[in-house]
Amino acid sequence: MADSRLIPLAEVARPHGVRGELRLKLYNRDSDLLLDLDEVVLEPTSGTPSTVTVREARRANDAILVWLGGCDSRDRAEE
């Protein structure tokens, strides 16, 4: 992790739906912290971490579905 002040909360499991949502696999399944954040830092396996706006977040069983700023399609979510 590039910034030691960041705490990993989840990993992207897969795209969800057609409008660009992502299904996140929570490291702590009982945590609702991601539901209250306005921004998150995405750290891709290769590339530079970036801060993105959380447009919407909601619970989906033991995962969280998020819709991030700049992610308007399933193709973009797959990137």
N, C-alpha and C. Protein backbone atom coordinates (compact mmCIF):
# COMPACT_ATOMS: atom_id res chain seq x y z
N MET A 1 0.86 -1.17 0.00
CA MET A 1 0.00 0.00 0.00
C MET A 1 0.90 1.23 0.00
N ALA A 2 0.62 2.17 -0.87
CA ALA A 2 1.46 3.35 -1.04
C ALA A 2 1.43 4.28 0.16
N ASP A 3 0.29 4.52 0.74
CA ASP A 3 0.14 5.45 1.86
C ASP A 3 -0.20 4.64 3.11
N SER A 4 0.72 4.65 4.07
CA SER A 4 0.53 3.83 5.27
C SER A 4 -0.62 4.32 6.15
N ARG A 5 -1.18 5.51 5.86
CA ARG A 5 -2.31 6.02 6.63
C ARG A 5 -3.65 5.45 6.14
N LEU A 6 -3.64 4.78 5.00
CA LEU A 6 -4.87 4.22 4.46
C LEU A 6 -5.14 2.86 5.08
N ILE A 7 -6.41 2.59 5.31
CA ILE A 7 -6.82 1.31 5.88
C ILE A 7 -7.67 0.59 4.84
N PRO A 8 -7.24 -0.59 4.38
CA PRO A 8 -8.04 -1.33 3.40
C PRO A 8 -9.35 -1.80 4.02
N LEU A 9 -10.47 -1.48 3.37
CA LEU A 9 -11.79 -1.85 3.87
C LEU A 9 -12.43 -2.96 3.04
N ALA A 10 -12.06 -3.03 1.75
CA ALA A 10 -12.71 -3.99 0.86
C ALA A 10 -11.88 -4.14 -0.40
N GLU A 11 -12.25 -5.13 -1.19
CA GLU A 11 -11.67 -5.27 -2.52
C GLU A 11 -12.81 -5.38 -3.52
N VAL A 12 -12.53 -4.93 -4.73
CA VAL A 12 -13.54 -5.02 -5.79
C VAL A 12 -13.69 -6.48 -6.19
N ALA A 13 -14.90 -6.99 -6.07
CA ALA A 13 -15.17 -8.38 -6.44
C ALA A 13 -15.49 -8.49 -7.93
N ARG A 14 -16.38 -7.58 -8.40
CA ARG A 14 -16.79 -7.63 -9.81
C ARG A 14 -17.72 -6.46 -10.09
N PRO A 15 -17.95 -6.17 -11.38
CA PRO A 15 -18.98 -5.19 -11.74
C PRO A 15 -20.35 -5.74 -11.38
N HIS A 16 -21.30 -4.83 -11.18
CA HIS A 16 -22.67 -5.23 -10.85
C HIS A 16 -23.63 -4.41 -11.69
N GLY A 17 -24.44 -5.06 -12.48
CA GLY A 17 -25.44 -4.36 -13.29
C GLY A 17 -24.84 -3.66 -14.49
N VAL A 18 -25.64 -2.78 -15.11
CA VAL A 18 -25.22 -2.13 -16.35
C VAL A 18 -24.87 -0.66 -16.19
N ARG A 19 -25.18 -0.06 -15.04
CA ARG A 19 -24.93 1.37 -14.92
C ARG A 19 -23.57 1.72 -14.33
N GLY A 20 -22.75 0.70 -13.99
CA GLY A 20 -21.39 0.97 -13.54
C GLY A 20 -21.14 0.74 -12.07
N GLU A 21 -22.03 0.05 -11.39
CA GLU A 21 -21.79 -0.24 -9.98
C GLU A 21 -20.73 -1.32 -9.82
N LEU A 22 -20.11 -1.33 -8.66
CA LEU A 22 -19.12 -2.35 -8.31
C LEU A 22 -19.58 -3.08 -7.05
N ARG A 23 -19.38 -4.38 -7.04
CA ARG A 23 -19.64 -5.18 -5.83
C ARG A 23 -18.32 -5.27 -5.08
N LEU A 24 -18.35 -4.85 -3.82
CA LEU A 24 -17.16 -4.89 -2.97
C LEU A 24 -17.25 -6.03 -1.98
N LYS A 25 -16.17 -6.75 -1.84
CA LYS A 25 -16.05 -7.80 -0.84
C LYS A 25 -15.41 -7.16 0.39
N LEU A 26 -16.18 -7.05 1.46
CA LEU A 26 -15.72 -6.39 2.67
C LEU A 26 -14.74 -7.26 3.44
N TYR A 27 -13.71 -6.65 4.00
CA TYR A 27 -12.79 -7.38 4.86
C TYR A 27 -13.44 -7.64 6.22
N ASN A 28 -14.33 -6.74 6.64
CA ASN A 28 -15.13 -6.93 7.86
C ASN A 28 -16.59 -6.88 7.42
N ARG A 29 -17.21 -8.04 7.28
CA ARG A 29 -18.57 -8.13 6.75
C ARG A 29 -19.60 -7.35 7.56
N ASP A 30 -19.32 -7.07 8.82
CA ASP A 30 -20.27 -6.35 9.67
C ASP A 30 -20.11 -4.83 9.60
N SER A 31 -19.09 -4.35 8.91
CA SER A 31 -18.82 -2.92 8.85
C SER A 31 -19.75 -2.21 7.87
N ASP A 32 -20.25 -1.06 8.28
CA ASP A 32 -21.06 -0.19 7.43
C ASP A 32 -20.32 1.10 7.07
N LEU A 33 -19.04 1.18 7.38
CA LEU A 33 -18.27 2.40 7.17
C LEU A 33 -18.34 2.89 5.72
N LEU A 34 -18.25 1.99 4.77
CA LEU A 34 -18.29 2.41 3.37
C LEU A 34 -19.61 3.05 2.96
N LEU A 35 -20.65 2.81 3.71
CA LEU A 35 -21.95 3.42 3.39
C LEU A 35 -21.97 4.92 3.71
N ASP A 36 -21.03 5.37 4.54
CA ASP A 36 -21.02 6.75 4.99
C ASP A 36 -19.92 7.61 4.37
N LEU A 37 -19.08 7.04 3.52
CA LEU A 37 -17.96 7.80 2.96
C LEU A 37 -18.37 8.55 1.69
N ASP A 38 -17.82 9.76 1.54
CA ASP A 38 -18.05 10.56 0.34
C ASP A 38 -17.00 10.29 -0.73
N GLU A 39 -15.82 9.84 -0.29
CA GLU A 39 -14.72 9.53 -1.20
C GLU A 39 -14.00 8.28 -0.71
N VAL A 40 -13.41 7.56 -1.66
CA VAL A 40 -12.57 6.41 -1.34
C VAL A 40 -11.32 6.47 -2.22
N VAL A 41 -10.28 5.78 -1.78
CA VAL A 41 -9.07 5.66 -2.58
C VAL A 41 -9.06 4.27 -3.19
N LEU A 42 -8.98 4.23 -4.53
CA LEU A 42 -8.87 2.96 -5.23
C LEU A 42 -7.39 2.73 -5.50
N GLU A 43 -6.94 1.53 -5.15
CA GLU A 43 -5.54 1.18 -5.39
C GLU A 43 -5.51 -0.04 -6.30
N PRO A 44 -5.34 0.19 -7.61
CA PRO A 44 -5.33 -0.93 -8.56
C PRO A 44 -4.10 -1.81 -8.34
N THR A 45 -4.17 -3.05 -8.79
CA THR A 45 -3.02 -3.95 -8.65
C THR A 45 -1.82 -3.43 -9.43
N SER A 46 -2.08 -2.75 -10.54
CA SER A 46 -1.00 -2.08 -11.26
C SER A 46 -1.49 -0.68 -11.59
N GLY A 47 -0.68 0.29 -11.29
CA GLY A 47 -1.09 1.67 -11.55
C GLY A 47 -1.03 2.51 -10.29
N THR A 48 -1.52 3.72 -10.42
CA THR A 48 -1.46 4.69 -9.35
C THR A 48 -2.78 4.76 -8.60
N PRO A 49 -2.75 4.81 -7.27
CA PRO A 49 -3.99 4.98 -6.50
C PRO A 49 -4.65 6.31 -6.86
N SER A 50 -5.98 6.34 -6.79
CA SER A 50 -6.72 7.57 -7.08
C SER A 50 -7.89 7.70 -6.12
N THR A 51 -8.22 8.93 -5.81
CA THR A 51 -9.36 9.24 -4.95
C THR A 51 -10.56 9.47 -5.84
N VAL A 52 -11.67 8.79 -5.53
CA VAL A 52 -12.89 8.92 -6.32
C VAL A 52 -14.08 9.22 -5.41
N THR A 53 -15.07 9.88 -5.97
CA THR A 53 -16.29 10.21 -5.25
C THR A 53 -17.22 9.02 -5.22
N VAL A 54 -17.85 8.81 -4.07
CA VAL A 54 -18.86 7.77 -3.94
C VAL A 54 -20.21 8.42 -4.22
N ARG A 55 -20.84 8.06 -5.33
CA ARG A 55 -22.15 8.61 -5.68
C ARG A 55 -23.25 7.96 -4.85
N GLU A 56 -23.12 6.65 -4.67
CA GLU A 56 -24.14 5.89 -3.96
C GLU A 56 -23.50 4.62 -3.42
N ALA A 57 -23.93 4.19 -2.25
CA ALA A 57 -23.47 2.93 -1.66
C ALA A 57 -24.64 2.29 -0.93
N ARG A 58 -24.75 0.97 -1.10
CA ARG A 58 -25.85 0.27 -0.42
C ARG A 58 -25.43 -1.15 -0.11
N ARG A 59 -26.07 -1.70 0.89
CA ARG A 59 -25.82 -3.08 1.33
C ARG A 59 -26.42 -4.07 0.34
N ALA A 60 -25.74 -5.18 0.14
CA ALA A 60 -26.24 -6.28 -0.66
C ALA A 60 -25.76 -7.57 0.00
N ASN A 61 -26.54 -8.04 0.96
CA ASN A 61 -26.18 -9.21 1.76
C ASN A 61 -24.85 -8.95 2.49
N ASP A 62 -23.82 -9.74 2.21
CA ASP A 62 -22.55 -9.55 2.91
C ASP A 62 -21.56 -8.69 2.13
N ALA A 63 -22.05 -7.98 1.10
CA ALA A 63 -21.22 -7.11 0.28
C ALA A 63 -21.80 -5.70 0.29
N ILE A 64 -21.08 -4.79 -0.35
CA ILE A 64 -21.57 -3.42 -0.54
C ILE A 64 -21.51 -3.14 -2.04
N LEU A 65 -22.56 -2.55 -2.57
CA LEU A 65 -22.57 -2.10 -3.96
C LEU A 65 -22.30 -0.60 -3.95
N VAL A 66 -21.32 -0.18 -4.74
CA VAL A 66 -20.99 1.24 -4.82
C VAL A 66 -21.06 1.70 -6.27
N TRP A 67 -21.46 2.94 -6.42
CA TRP A 67 -21.46 3.59 -7.71
C TRP A 67 -20.55 4.79 -7.56
N LEU A 68 -19.45 4.78 -8.29
CA LEU A 68 -18.41 5.79 -8.14
C LEU A 68 -18.49 6.84 -9.23
N GLY A 69 -18.06 8.04 -8.91
CA GLY A 69 -17.99 9.11 -9.89
C GLY A 69 -17.10 8.71 -11.04
N GLY A 70 -17.52 9.01 -12.27
CA GLY A 70 -16.75 8.67 -13.45
C GLY A 70 -16.96 7.25 -13.94
N CYS A 71 -17.81 6.51 -13.27
CA CYS A 71 -18.07 5.12 -13.64
C CYS A 71 -19.54 5.01 -14.05
N ASP A 72 -19.80 5.18 -15.34
CA ASP A 72 -21.18 5.27 -15.83
C ASP A 72 -21.65 4.09 -16.68
N SER A 73 -20.83 3.04 -16.77
CA SER A 73 -21.23 1.89 -17.56
C SER A 73 -20.54 0.64 -17.03
N ARG A 74 -21.07 -0.50 -17.42
CA ARG A 74 -20.44 -1.77 -17.01
C ARG A 74 -19.03 -1.89 -17.55
N ASP A 75 -18.82 -1.41 -18.79
CA ASP A 75 -17.47 -1.46 -19.37
C ASP A 75 -16.48 -0.66 -18.52
N ARG A 76 -16.89 0.51 -18.10
CA ARG A 76 -16.02 1.35 -17.25
C ARG A 76 -15.77 0.67 -15.91
N ALA A 77 -16.78 0.04 -15.35
CA ALA A 77 -16.64 -0.65 -14.08
C ALA A 77 -15.65 -1.82 -14.20
N GLU A 78 -15.65 -2.48 -15.34
CA GLU A 78 -14.72 -3.58 -15.54
C GLU A 78 -13.27 -3.13 -15.62
N GLU A 79 -13.06 -1.89 -16.01
CA GLU A 79 -11.69 -1.34 -16.07
C GLU A 79 -11.11 -1.27 -14.69
